Structures are given as structure tokens and as C-alpha cells.
Amino acid sequence: MEMSTPTNPMTVQPSPNINSNTAPPSLPQQYDDNNNNNNDNNNNEALSAEDATKIQNLKFVNATSYLLTGMMVTGVVLFKTREEGVFGDEFLWMKYQTLLTPSSYVNLLWVPVFLLQGLFVYASTLHKTLQHSPLVGYDRALQRSSKTSVAVHYPAVCAATLMTVYSHDYGHVFMALLGSVLCGIVLTSILQIQGHLLNEMEAAMSATDGTMDIADRTAQYVALCLPFELYGGYVLALVAVYFNTFLAGFDALPTSVFLVAANASLALLLCAGFYMLWVTERKFYGVGVALVWYLLGVAIELHTPTQPIYNEFSDGVLRRGRGIGVVPARGGHRTPYSHTTHLQRVFRWSHPHDANHCGRGHFDPSDVARRQGDEDMIKHNILNCGDVLDEEGEITTDYVHA
């Protein structure tokens, strides 16, 4: 006997026609949310690709700027590829000497400057971790705060460097001074940005009780900070050199003006080095090293000056002459001369009627001889004032030695 299951009269069977053509109310909303999320993801992926392209372009610009600047500057300054330029022609190089002109060995500082900048370019473009450091700032380059990105500033450093060096090589002292000032402004901005970022990084680590490994900290400093510190100190010295060179172009100024400018420049450089090493919270060791290197070069040059410098700032004969005293020695002939120091040079400037009557403001027999065209008399008088003749009777620009 079959038993039939009784049907509960209270149970309501769903009708197949109720909402048969419509989805539950939650489905359309869920579908829309998924759609929006997919669109957002696609937009983010597209934005990331665009940002990646911008970053790659900036890396290419920085690397290219570095290579061009390094080759052009070292070629002109160290290898003297432009023989007709100031760096390649002794006559022109001697023409722009001042009391603050250092010994020529100071130019070798360009080697570590560009080696460290090359290390910065490598670290900021190829290194796995350092290229993402805030001290490089590729992420900031994509934002409105691009002014706080070191990577954005670096091409300006290269451009100002080329302007400075090539203006000097072509004899445009004012443009060289302007280029060095602009380069100093950009480097100062970079050092300020990095100092602010380092403070933020240290504050964040102290808040989380985190520490940075000494090896990582050293690599970060050497690759990302030291290149700009060292170059910043050297550019500071170049500003002083070009300012005094530009000032020396005004022959009508009294010698006391040149003395005051030289002493003031040296005092400011010393104060800047002291401030960077002992006063500021962050110690700029690279700036101090560059300034010490430059000041040692000045001391060496004043200890064994080139003959034109000695004449320019002690006798003043060649300032009034026709430039025959600035002739390179043939065959590298060198002639001994008496020891000269900075104090002796200042004495000769300050006492124009002393020091063998070779100072400024006295009667110069060569003036009369010059009017008469007596070249031998000019050479004889200049030689009495401390010049050196080579074996063929030409006045040499070679170094004098104690």
C-alpha cells in the first residue's frame, strides 16, 4: 500500500513566473562593482606604464648628461683638447692668474668628482635598492613635488658645469662666474633636499625602533650624498676664483681692492668650511675635503708662483707693457729665483717705492724706452724687477723655484 506525503496547506510553493526574468537585486550591484574595479585596475596599470616610461626617460637624460659632461670637461681641462683655449694655451692661462689661482694640480679634483658622479648615476639607474631611495627621488619626479627630486636637479648640475668650464676656456670670465654661481645654487638645493630627507628617514626609523645596517648607510652616503658634497665644495672655491679673476680685469682699480677681495674670499671659504664641518647638524665632509684641496693648491702656488703671477701682483710692469713678458719658455727651461711668499707679495704691493723700485706708482724707465721702441731696455728693466729670460732672450712664464 503506497503512502502519499501529505501536503502542508501552509507551504507556499514559489511560482516559476515570479521574478523569472530578473536577477536578484544584489547581482546587478555586484556586477557593477566588479566592473568598476576592473576599470580602476586597468587605469592603474596604464598609469604605472606611463610613469615607468617617464622614469626611464629621466634615467636616460641623467646618464647621457653625465657622460657628455664628463668627457667634455676632462677633455678640455685635463687633456687640453682645445689648444687655442685657456686650458690648452699657456699664454692665455697665465693671463687669468690671480692671488687665488691655485696650482694646476688642483684640476685633478675633477677625476674623483666625475668618478663619484658616475657612481651616483649607476646607483640611481641600475642598483636594485639605491635607485628607489628617497635621496634619488624618482617617485617625487612624478608628483607636483618634483622640485624636491635630486634626479630632476642633476641635468641642471651638468649644464651649469659645462657653462662654467667652457666659458673659462673661451676667456669669458663673467660667464664662468655666472655658471659657477648657478651650479652652486643647484648643488645647495640638492644638499638641502637630501638633508631634509635624511632627517625624515632617521625620524621614521627612530619611531619604529628600526636601524640601518652600517654597510647600507655607508653605501648610501658614498653613492648618493658624497658626489654632491665634494663637487659643492669645489664649486664654492671656483666662485671665489672667478670673482677675483673678473675683478682683476678692471685695471683702473687700486691694488688694495684686489688685496681686500682676495683676503675676504679666503676668509669666507674658511668660514664656509668651518660652518659645514662643525656648526651644521649634518657634517658635510665632502665640502671640507674639496676646500682643503683647493686651499693647499693656493698655498703651493703662492710658495712657488709662476713668474707672470709674481709680476702681475708685485711689480705691475706687464700690466702697463705690451704683454711680451707672457711668453712660454722654449724647451722647458727653468731658471732659479728667490723664494716668494704671500706676505712678501703683499709687502711689495703695499710699498710701491721699495722692493728694488719695482712696485706700482713709481717712475718706470721702460715707459720712456717703450715710446722710443727700445725693446732691449724694456727687457732689461723688467728683468731687474724679477722676470726670467730663457736662453733665446725671451721672457719666460715658467715656474720659479726657491
Foldseek 3Di string as FASTA:
>chain_A
DDDDDDDDPVDDDDDCPPCVPPDPPVVVVVVVVVVVVVVVVVVVVVVVVVLVVVLVVLLVLLVVLLVVLLVVLCCCQVVVPPCQWLNNDLLNVLVLDALLDFASCLVVLSVVLSVLSVLLSCQCPPNPPSVPDVLQPSVCCVDPNVLLHLSVLNSVLSVLSCQLRVCRRHPNLVSNLVSLVSNLVSLVSSQVSNVVVVVVVVVVCVVVVHDDDPVVVVSNCSNRPLSSLQVNLQSLSSNLSSVLSVVVVPVVDALVVSVVSNVVSVVVSVVVLCCQAPPDPDHSVSNNVSSVSSVVRSQVCQFWPFQSNLCVQQQVLCVPDPSQQSDAAPPLDADADDTGHPVNSVVSSVDCCDDQNRRPDDDQPVVVVVVVVPPVVSLVRVVSNPWDAYPVGGTHRGIYDD
